[in-house]
Amino acid sequence: MEKFEKFTKGLSKGFEWLGVIGILAMFAANLVDVIGAKVFKWPLPGAIEILSFALVVAIAPAIAYGLFIGTHLRIDFIVDKFPKILSTALRPFVSLMCTILFILISWKGFEYAYSLQRSGEKGGSSHIPFFPFAYVLAISCIPVILFFILETIKSLKAKR
């Protein structure tokens, strides 16, 4: 169990660094766009699309680590208001439902990314393909799924 938790947390931290790269890409695109527009009267073509793509890379990979350190709002804040015995009974169910939700999001994300890849869909002004970012979203669900599996197991052990 400890190895699984350590692996999941390490994987989540690694994905968080991908999120940092997304933030840096947003910063760089915005900087180039503003300097280009103000100084050279030539803004970055497709800047809004580039920022949107970088936003996906910034947010999606960091979700799992945010869950580990407790910075994401979870449904548990409602469950915590229930009596202790009821909240203890509901916690595994909530974690299992979250696991199922992210499995479905990942599955459909992979399907969507593949359809974008096959169709060759690209941004209108940046001409950047959409599919890599859909894959980033789908792959980023994997550490979240592992986190909720871990939470489900922990809550079932605590129930005893």
N, C-alpha and C. Protein backbone atom coordinates (compact mmCIF):
# COMPACT_ATOMS: atom_id res chain seq x y z
N MET A 1 0.82 -1.20 0.00
CA MET A 1 0.00 0.00 0.00
C MET A 1 0.87 1.27 0.00
N GLU A 2 1.93 1.26 0.82
CA GLU A 2 2.82 2.42 0.87
C GLU A 2 3.52 2.65 -0.46
N LYS A 3 3.91 1.55 -1.12
CA LYS A 3 4.58 1.67 -2.42
C LYS A 3 3.63 2.27 -3.45
N PHE A 4 2.38 1.83 -3.41
CA PHE A 4 1.37 2.36 -4.35
C PHE A 4 1.16 3.85 -4.11
N GLU A 5 1.08 4.24 -2.85
CA GLU A 5 0.89 5.66 -2.53
C GLU A 5 2.11 6.47 -2.95
N LYS A 6 3.29 5.95 -2.68
CA LYS A 6 4.52 6.65 -3.06
C LYS A 6 4.61 6.79 -4.58
N PHE A 7 4.28 5.72 -5.30
CA PHE A 7 4.29 5.76 -6.77
C PHE A 7 3.29 6.79 -7.29
N THR A 8 2.09 6.76 -6.76
CA THR A 8 1.04 7.67 -7.21
C THR A 8 1.41 9.12 -6.93
N LYS A 9 1.96 9.37 -5.76
CA LYS A 9 2.36 10.74 -5.42
C LYS A 9 3.52 11.20 -6.30
N GLY A 10 4.49 10.32 -6.55
CA GLY A 10 5.61 10.66 -7.43
C GLY A 10 5.15 10.93 -8.86
N LEU A 11 4.23 10.11 -9.34
CA LEU A 11 3.68 10.31 -10.68
C LEU A 11 2.95 11.65 -10.75
N SER A 12 2.20 11.96 -9.70
CA SER A 12 1.47 13.23 -9.64
C SER A 12 2.41 14.42 -9.64
N LYS A 13 3.52 14.30 -8.91
CA LYS A 13 4.51 15.38 -8.89
C LYS A 13 5.14 15.56 -10.27
N GLY A 14 5.41 14.46 -10.94
CA GLY A 14 5.96 14.54 -12.29
C GLY A 14 5.01 15.23 -13.24
N PHE A 15 3.74 14.91 -13.14
CA PHE A 15 2.73 15.55 -13.98
C PHE A 15 2.61 17.03 -13.64
N GLU A 16 2.82 17.36 -12.37
CA GLU A 16 2.75 18.77 -11.98
C GLU A 16 3.81 19.59 -12.73
N TRP A 17 4.98 19.00 -12.97
CA TRP A 17 6.02 19.70 -13.71
C TRP A 17 5.60 19.96 -15.15
N LEU A 18 4.80 19.07 -15.70
CA LEU A 18 4.24 19.32 -17.03
C LEU A 18 3.33 20.55 -16.97
N GLY A 19 2.60 20.68 -15.86
CA GLY A 19 1.77 21.87 -15.65
C GLY A 19 2.59 23.14 -15.57
N VAL A 20 3.75 23.05 -14.95
CA VAL A 20 4.66 24.20 -14.86
C VAL A 20 5.10 24.62 -16.27
N ILE A 21 5.40 23.63 -17.10
CA ILE A 21 5.77 23.93 -18.49
C ILE A 21 4.63 24.65 -19.19
N GLY A 22 3.39 24.23 -18.93
CA GLY A 22 2.23 24.92 -19.52
C GLY A 22 2.13 26.36 -19.08
N ILE A 23 2.39 26.62 -17.80
CA ILE A 23 2.35 28.00 -17.30
C ILE A 23 3.44 28.83 -17.94
N LEU A 24 4.63 28.25 -18.06
CA LEU A 24 5.73 28.97 -18.71
C LEU A 24 5.43 29.24 -20.18
N ALA A 25 4.78 28.30 -20.84
CA ALA A 25 4.39 28.51 -22.25
C ALA A 25 3.36 29.64 -22.35
N MET A 26 2.43 29.70 -21.39
CA MET A 26 1.45 30.80 -21.39
C MET A 26 2.16 32.13 -21.19
N PHE A 27 3.09 32.16 -20.26
CA PHE A 27 3.85 33.39 -19.99
C PHE A 27 4.59 33.82 -21.25
N ALA A 28 5.29 32.88 -21.88
CA ALA A 28 6.09 33.21 -23.06
C ALA A 28 5.21 33.69 -24.21
N ALA A 29 4.09 33.01 -24.45
CA ALA A 29 3.20 33.40 -25.55
C ALA A 29 2.61 34.79 -25.30
N ASN A 30 2.21 35.03 -24.07
CA ASN A 30 1.64 36.33 -23.73
C ASN A 30 2.69 37.43 -23.86
N LEU A 31 3.90 37.16 -23.41
CA LEU A 31 4.98 38.14 -23.51
C LEU A 31 5.29 38.47 -24.96
N VAL A 32 5.43 37.44 -25.77
CA VAL A 32 5.72 37.65 -27.20
C VAL A 32 4.58 38.41 -27.86
N ASP A 33 3.35 38.07 -27.51
CA ASP A 33 2.19 38.74 -28.11
C ASP A 33 2.15 40.22 -27.74
N VAL A 34 2.33 40.53 -26.47
CA VAL A 34 2.26 41.93 -26.03
C VAL A 34 3.42 42.74 -26.58
N ILE A 35 4.63 42.23 -26.48
CA ILE A 35 5.78 42.97 -27.01
C ILE A 35 5.66 43.13 -28.53
N GLY A 36 5.24 42.04 -29.18
CA GLY A 36 5.06 42.11 -30.64
C GLY A 36 4.02 43.14 -31.03
N ALA A 37 2.92 43.21 -30.29
CA ALA A 37 1.84 44.14 -30.62
C ALA A 37 2.21 45.58 -30.30
N LYS A 38 2.84 45.80 -29.17
CA LYS A 38 3.13 47.17 -28.73
C LYS A 38 4.39 47.75 -29.36
N VAL A 39 5.41 46.94 -29.50
CA VAL A 39 6.69 47.46 -29.99
C VAL A 39 6.79 47.35 -31.52
N PHE A 40 6.42 46.20 -32.05
CA PHE A 40 6.61 45.95 -33.48
C PHE A 40 5.32 46.05 -34.30
N LYS A 41 4.20 46.36 -33.63
CA LYS A 41 2.89 46.44 -34.28
C LYS A 41 2.54 45.13 -35.00
N TRP A 42 3.01 44.01 -34.46
CA TRP A 42 2.76 42.70 -35.05
C TRP A 42 2.53 41.70 -33.91
N PRO A 43 1.26 41.50 -33.52
CA PRO A 43 0.97 40.55 -32.44
C PRO A 43 1.26 39.10 -32.88
N LEU A 44 1.39 38.24 -31.91
CA LEU A 44 1.64 36.83 -32.18
C LEU A 44 0.41 36.22 -32.85
N PRO A 45 0.54 35.70 -34.06
CA PRO A 45 -0.60 35.06 -34.73
C PRO A 45 -1.08 33.84 -33.94
N GLY A 46 -2.37 33.77 -33.68
CA GLY A 46 -2.94 32.64 -32.95
C GLY A 46 -2.65 32.66 -31.46
N ALA A 47 -2.39 33.85 -30.92
CA ALA A 47 -2.01 33.95 -29.50
C ALA A 47 -3.10 33.40 -28.58
N ILE A 48 -4.35 33.68 -28.86
CA ILE A 48 -5.45 33.20 -28.01
C ILE A 48 -5.50 31.67 -28.02
N GLU A 49 -5.34 31.08 -29.20
CA GLU A 49 -5.33 29.62 -29.29
C GLU A 49 -4.14 29.03 -28.55
N ILE A 50 -2.98 29.63 -28.73
CA ILE A 50 -1.77 29.15 -28.06
C ILE A 50 -1.95 29.22 -26.54
N LEU A 51 -2.51 30.32 -26.06
CA LEU A 51 -2.77 30.46 -24.62
C LEU A 51 -3.78 29.42 -24.15
N SER A 52 -4.79 29.15 -24.95
CA SER A 52 -5.79 28.15 -24.58
C SER A 52 -5.18 26.75 -24.52
N PHE A 53 -4.37 26.41 -25.49
CA PHE A 53 -3.69 25.10 -25.49
C PHE A 53 -2.76 24.98 -24.28
N ALA A 54 -2.01 26.05 -24.02
CA ALA A 54 -1.09 26.04 -22.88
C ALA A 54 -1.85 25.94 -21.56
N LEU A 55 -3.04 26.49 -21.52
CA LEU A 55 -3.88 26.42 -20.32
C LEU A 55 -4.25 24.97 -20.02
N VAL A 56 -4.57 24.21 -21.04
CA VAL A 56 -4.86 22.78 -20.85
C VAL A 56 -3.64 22.08 -20.27
N VAL A 57 -2.46 22.39 -20.81
CA VAL A 57 -1.22 21.78 -20.33
C VAL A 57 -0.90 22.26 -18.90
N ALA A 58 -1.31 23.45 -18.56
CA ALA A 58 -1.03 23.99 -17.22
C ALA A 58 -1.95 23.39 -16.16
N ILE A 59 -3.21 23.18 -16.49
CA ILE A 59 -4.18 22.77 -15.47
C ILE A 59 -4.32 21.26 -15.34
N ALA A 60 -4.56 20.57 -16.42
CA ALA A 60 -4.90 19.14 -16.36
C ALA A 60 -3.85 18.29 -15.64
N PRO A 61 -2.56 18.43 -15.95
CA PRO A 61 -1.58 17.57 -15.28
C PRO A 61 -1.41 17.85 -13.78
N ALA A 62 -1.79 19.02 -13.33
CA ALA A 62 -1.57 19.39 -11.93
C ALA A 62 -2.73 18.99 -11.01
N ILE A 63 -3.80 18.47 -11.56
CA ILE A 63 -4.99 18.14 -10.74
C ILE A 63 -4.66 17.10 -9.68
N ALA A 64 -3.98 16.02 -10.05
CA ALA A 64 -3.72 14.94 -9.09
C ALA A 64 -2.87 15.41 -7.92
N TYR A 65 -1.82 16.16 -8.19
CA TYR A 65 -0.98 16.62 -7.09
C TYR A 65 -1.75 17.59 -6.20
N GLY A 66 -2.60 18.39 -6.81
CA GLY A 66 -3.46 19.28 -6.02
C GLY A 66 -4.38 18.50 -5.09
N LEU A 67 -4.84 17.33 -5.54
CA LEU A 67 -5.65 16.47 -4.67
C LEU A 67 -4.81 15.95 -3.50
N PHE A 68 -3.57 15.58 -3.78
CA PHE A 68 -2.69 15.08 -2.73
C PHE A 68 -2.43 16.12 -1.65
N ILE A 69 -2.21 17.35 -2.05
CA ILE A 69 -1.88 18.38 -1.05
C ILE A 69 -3.12 19.10 -0.52
N GLY A 70 -4.29 18.73 -1.04
CA GLY A 70 -5.54 19.24 -0.50
C GLY A 70 -5.97 20.61 -0.98
N THR A 71 -5.53 21.01 -2.17
CA THR A 71 -5.90 22.34 -2.67
C THR A 71 -7.12 22.32 -3.58
N HIS A 72 -7.63 21.14 -3.91
CA HIS A 72 -8.82 21.07 -4.77
C HIS A 72 -10.06 20.87 -3.92
N LEU A 73 -11.11 21.56 -4.29
CA LEU A 73 -12.40 21.42 -3.63
C LEU A 73 -12.96 20.05 -3.97
N ARG A 74 -13.37 19.32 -2.96
CA ARG A 74 -13.91 17.99 -3.17
C ARG A 74 -15.28 17.89 -2.55
N ILE A 75 -16.02 16.87 -2.94
CA ILE A 75 -17.36 16.67 -2.41
C ILE A 75 -17.32 16.31 -0.93
N ASP A 76 -16.16 15.96 -0.41
CA ASP A 76 -16.02 15.60 1.00
C ASP A 76 -16.45 16.71 1.94
N PHE A 77 -16.40 17.95 1.48
CA PHE A 77 -16.80 19.03 2.38
C PHE A 77 -18.27 18.90 2.74
N ILE A 78 -19.07 18.27 1.90
CA ILE A 78 -20.49 18.00 2.22
C ILE A 78 -20.57 16.78 3.14
N VAL A 79 -19.82 15.75 2.80
CA VAL A 79 -19.84 14.52 3.59
C VAL A 79 -19.35 14.79 5.02
N ASP A 80 -18.42 15.71 5.18
CA ASP A 80 -17.90 16.03 6.51
C ASP A 80 -18.95 16.64 7.43
N LYS A 81 -20.02 17.18 6.88
CA LYS A 81 -21.08 17.79 7.68
C LYS A 81 -22.02 16.73 8.27
N PHE A 82 -21.97 15.52 7.71
CA PHE A 82 -22.83 14.43 8.18
C PHE A 82 -22.31 13.90 9.51
N PRO A 83 -23.16 13.16 10.23
CA PRO A 83 -22.67 12.49 11.44
C PRO A 83 -21.50 11.57 11.11
N LYS A 84 -20.62 11.36 12.08
CA LYS A 84 -19.38 10.61 11.88
C LYS A 84 -19.62 9.23 11.26
N ILE A 85 -20.60 8.52 11.75
CA ILE A 85 -20.85 7.16 11.25
C ILE A 85 -21.30 7.18 9.79
N LEU A 86 -22.13 8.16 9.43
CA LEU A 86 -22.60 8.27 8.05
C LEU A 86 -21.49 8.73 7.12
N SER A 87 -20.68 9.70 7.56
CA SER A 87 -19.58 10.17 6.71
C SER A 87 -18.55 9.07 6.49
N THR A 88 -18.30 8.26 7.51
CA THR A 88 -17.36 7.14 7.38
C THR A 88 -17.91 6.11 6.40
N ALA A 89 -19.21 5.90 6.41
CA ALA A 89 -19.83 4.93 5.49
C ALA A 89 -19.87 5.46 4.05
N LEU A 90 -20.02 6.76 3.88
CA LEU A 90 -20.13 7.33 2.54
C LEU A 90 -18.79 7.58 1.86
N ARG A 91 -17.75 7.77 2.63
CA ARG A 91 -16.45 8.12 2.07
C ARG A 91 -15.95 7.13 1.00
N PRO A 92 -16.03 5.79 1.23
CA PRO A 92 -15.60 4.87 0.16
C PRO A 92 -16.46 4.99 -1.09
N PHE A 93 -17.76 5.22 -0.90
CA PHE A 93 -18.67 5.36 -2.04
C PHE A 93 -18.33 6.60 -2.86
N VAL A 94 -18.06 7.71 -2.19
CA VAL A 94 -17.70 8.95 -2.88
C VAL A 94 -16.39 8.78 -3.64
N SER A 95 -15.40 8.17 -3.01
CA SER A 95 -14.11 7.94 -3.68
C SER A 95 -14.27 7.01 -4.87
N LEU A 96 -15.09 5.98 -4.73
CA LEU A 96 -15.34 5.06 -5.85
C LEU A 96 -16.05 5.77 -7.00
N MET A 97 -17.01 6.63 -6.69
CA MET A 97 -17.71 7.38 -7.75
C MET A 97 -16.75 8.33 -8.46
N CYS A 98 -15.85 8.95 -7.71
CA CYS A 98 -14.85 9.83 -8.33
C CYS A 98 -13.91 9.03 -9.22
N THR A 99 -13.54 7.83 -8.78
CA THR A 99 -12.70 6.95 -9.60
C THR A 99 -13.40 6.64 -10.92
N ILE A 100 -14.65 6.25 -10.83
CA ILE A 100 -15.43 5.92 -12.03
C ILE A 100 -15.57 7.13 -12.94
N LEU A 101 -15.83 8.29 -12.36
CA LEU A 101 -15.96 9.52 -13.15
C LEU A 101 -14.69 9.79 -13.95
N PHE A 102 -13.53 9.71 -13.30
CA PHE A 102 -12.29 10.02 -14.00
C PHE A 102 -11.88 8.92 -14.98
N ILE A 103 -12.29 7.69 -14.73
CA ILE A 103 -12.07 6.64 -15.72
C ILE A 103 -12.86 6.97 -16.98
N LEU A 104 -14.11 7.38 -16.80
CA LEU A 104 -14.94 7.75 -17.96
C LEU A 104 -14.39 8.98 -18.68
N ILE A 105 -13.94 9.97 -17.93
CA ILE A 105 -13.36 11.17 -18.55
C ILE A 105 -12.12 10.81 -19.36
N SER A 106 -11.28 9.96 -18.79
CA SER A 106 -10.06 9.54 -19.49
C SER A 106 -10.41 8.73 -20.74
N TRP A 107 -11.29 7.79 -20.60
CA TRP A 107 -11.70 6.95 -21.72
C TRP A 107 -12.26 7.78 -22.86
N LYS A 108 -13.21 8.65 -22.54
CA LYS A 108 -13.81 9.50 -23.58
C LYS A 108 -12.79 10.51 -24.11
N GLY A 109 -11.88 10.94 -23.25
CA GLY A 109 -10.82 11.85 -23.69
C GLY A 109 -9.91 11.20 -24.73
N PHE A 110 -9.56 9.93 -24.49
CA PHE A 110 -8.75 9.20 -25.48
C PHE A 110 -9.52 9.02 -26.79
N GLU A 111 -10.80 8.70 -26.69
CA GLU A 111 -11.62 8.57 -27.90
C GLU A 111 -11.68 9.88 -28.68
N TYR A 112 -11.89 10.97 -27.95
CA TYR A 112 -11.97 12.28 -28.58
C TYR A 112 -10.64 12.68 -29.21
N ALA A 113 -9.55 12.45 -28.49
CA ALA A 113 -8.23 12.78 -29.01
C ALA A 113 -7.94 11.99 -30.28
N TYR A 114 -8.31 10.72 -30.28
CA TYR A 114 -8.08 9.90 -31.47
C TYR A 114 -8.91 10.41 -32.65
N SER A 115 -10.15 10.82 -32.37
CA SER A 115 -10.99 11.34 -33.47
C SER A 115 -10.41 12.65 -34.01
N LEU A 116 -9.86 13.48 -33.12
CA LEU A 116 -9.22 14.72 -33.57
C LEU A 116 -7.97 14.42 -34.39
N GLN A 117 -7.23 13.41 -33.97
CA GLN A 117 -6.03 13.02 -34.69
C GLN A 117 -6.38 12.51 -36.08
N ARG A 118 -7.41 11.70 -36.16
CA ARG A 118 -7.81 11.14 -37.46
C ARG A 118 -8.36 12.21 -38.39
N SER A 119 -9.07 13.18 -37.82
CA SER A 119 -9.68 14.22 -38.66
C SER A 119 -8.68 15.31 -39.05
N GLY A 120 -7.58 15.42 -38.30
CA GLY A 120 -6.58 16.44 -38.60
C GLY A 120 -7.01 17.84 -38.19
N GLU A 121 -7.90 17.93 -37.21
CA GLU A 121 -8.41 19.22 -36.74
C GLU A 121 -7.27 20.10 -36.23
N LYS A 122 -7.25 21.35 -36.69
CA LYS A 122 -6.20 22.30 -36.29
C LYS A 122 -6.83 23.62 -35.89
N GLY A 123 -6.07 24.40 -35.14
CA GLY A 123 -6.52 25.74 -34.77
C GLY A 123 -6.64 26.62 -36.00
N GLY A 124 -7.63 27.49 -36.01
CA GLY A 124 -7.89 28.32 -37.17
C GLY A 124 -6.78 29.30 -37.50
N SER A 125 -6.19 29.91 -36.51
CA SER A 125 -5.15 30.90 -36.79
C SER A 125 -3.75 30.41 -36.45
N SER A 126 -3.63 29.50 -35.48
CA SER A 126 -2.30 29.01 -35.11
C SER A 126 -1.88 27.79 -35.92
N HIS A 127 -2.85 27.09 -36.46
CA HIS A 127 -2.64 25.86 -37.24
C HIS A 127 -1.96 24.78 -36.40
N ILE A 128 -2.13 24.84 -35.10
CA ILE A 128 -1.62 23.80 -34.19
C ILE A 128 -2.69 22.71 -34.09
N PRO A 129 -2.30 21.45 -34.23
CA PRO A 129 -3.28 20.36 -34.11
C PRO A 129 -3.88 20.30 -32.70
N PHE A 130 -5.16 19.97 -32.62
CA PHE A 130 -5.85 19.89 -31.34
C PHE A 130 -5.53 18.61 -30.57
N PHE A 131 -5.28 17.52 -31.29
CA PHE A 131 -5.25 16.21 -30.64
C PHE A 131 -4.20 16.04 -29.53
N PRO A 132 -3.00 16.65 -29.62
CA PRO A 132 -2.06 16.43 -28.51
C PRO A 132 -2.59 16.94 -27.17
N PHE A 133 -3.37 17.99 -27.21
CA PHE A 133 -3.89 18.58 -25.98
C PHE A 133 -5.04 17.75 -25.41
N ALA A 134 -5.80 17.11 -26.29
CA ALA A 134 -6.83 16.19 -25.82
C ALA A 134 -6.18 14.96 -25.19
N TYR A 135 -5.06 14.50 -25.76
CA TYR A 135 -4.32 13.40 -25.16
C TYR A 135 -3.75 13.79 -23.80
N VAL A 136 -3.26 15.02 -23.69
CA VAL A 136 -2.73 15.49 -22.40
C VAL A 136 -3.84 15.43 -21.34
N LEU A 137 -5.03 15.86 -21.71
CA LEU A 137 -6.16 15.83 -20.77
C LEU A 137 -6.49 14.40 -20.37
N ALA A 138 -6.55 13.50 -21.35
CA ALA A 138 -6.90 12.10 -21.07
C ALA A 138 -5.82 11.41 -20.23
N ILE A 139 -4.57 11.63 -20.56
CA ILE A 139 -3.46 11.01 -19.82
C ILE A 139 -3.36 11.59 -18.41
N SER A 140 -3.69 12.86 -18.27
CA SER A 140 -3.62 13.51 -16.96
C SER A 140 -4.65 12.95 -15.98
N CYS A 141 -5.63 12.25 -16.47
CA CYS A 141 -6.62 11.63 -15.59
C CYS A 141 -6.06 10.38 -14.90
N ILE A 142 -5.01 9.80 -15.45
CA ILE A 142 -4.47 8.55 -14.89
C ILE A 142 -4.00 8.72 -13.44
N PRO A 143 -3.17 9.73 -13.11
CA PRO A 143 -2.80 9.87 -11.70
C PRO A 143 -3.99 10.23 -10.80
N VAL A 144 -4.99 10.90 -11.36
CA VAL A 144 -6.19 11.22 -10.58
C VAL A 144 -6.94 9.92 -10.26
N ILE A 145 -7.04 9.05 -11.24
CA ILE A 145 -7.69 7.75 -11.03
C ILE A 145 -6.95 6.97 -9.95
N LEU A 146 -5.62 6.95 -10.04
CA LEU A 146 -4.82 6.24 -9.04
C LEU A 146 -5.02 6.86 -7.65
N PHE A 147 -5.12 8.18 -7.60
CA PHE A 147 -5.34 8.86 -6.31
C PHE A 147 -6.68 8.41 -5.71
N PHE A 148 -7.73 8.38 -6.51
CA PHE A 148 -9.04 8.01 -5.97
C PHE A 148 -9.12 6.52 -5.64
N ILE A 149 -8.39 5.67 -6.37
CA ILE A 149 -8.30 4.26 -5.98
C ILE A 149 -7.65 4.15 -4.61
N LEU A 150 -6.59 4.90 -4.42
CA LEU A 150 -5.89 4.94 -3.13
C LEU A 150 -6.83 5.43 -2.02
N GLU A 151 -7.57 6.49 -2.31
CA GLU A 151 -8.52 7.02 -1.33
C GLU A 151 -9.62 6.01 -1.00
N THR A 152 -10.07 5.28 -2.01
CA THR A 152 -11.11 4.26 -1.77
C THR A 152 -10.57 3.17 -0.85
N ILE A 153 -9.37 2.70 -1.13
CA ILE A 153 -8.76 1.66 -0.30
C ILE A 153 -8.55 2.16 1.13
N LYS A 154 -8.02 3.38 1.25
CA LYS A 154 -7.80 3.94 2.59
C LYS A 154 -9.10 4.08 3.38
N SER A 155 -10.15 4.54 2.70
CA SER A 155 -11.42 4.74 3.41
C SER A 155 -12.06 3.41 3.78
N LEU A 156 -11.84 2.37 2.98
CA LEU A 156 -12.36 1.05 3.35
C LEU A 156 -11.59 0.48 4.52
N LYS A 157 -10.29 0.72 4.58
CA LYS A 157 -9.49 0.25 5.71
C LYS A 157 -9.86 1.01 6.99
N ALA A 158 -10.14 2.30 6.86
CA ALA A 158 -10.50 3.12 8.02
C ALA A 158 -11.87 2.73 8.56
N LYS A 159 -12.71 2.17 7.70
CA LYS A 159 -14.06 1.81 8.07
C LYS A 159 -14.08 0.66 9.07
N ARG A 160 -13.06 -0.19 9.00
CA ARG A 160 -13.02 -1.37 9.89
C ARG A 160 -12.77 -1.01 11.31
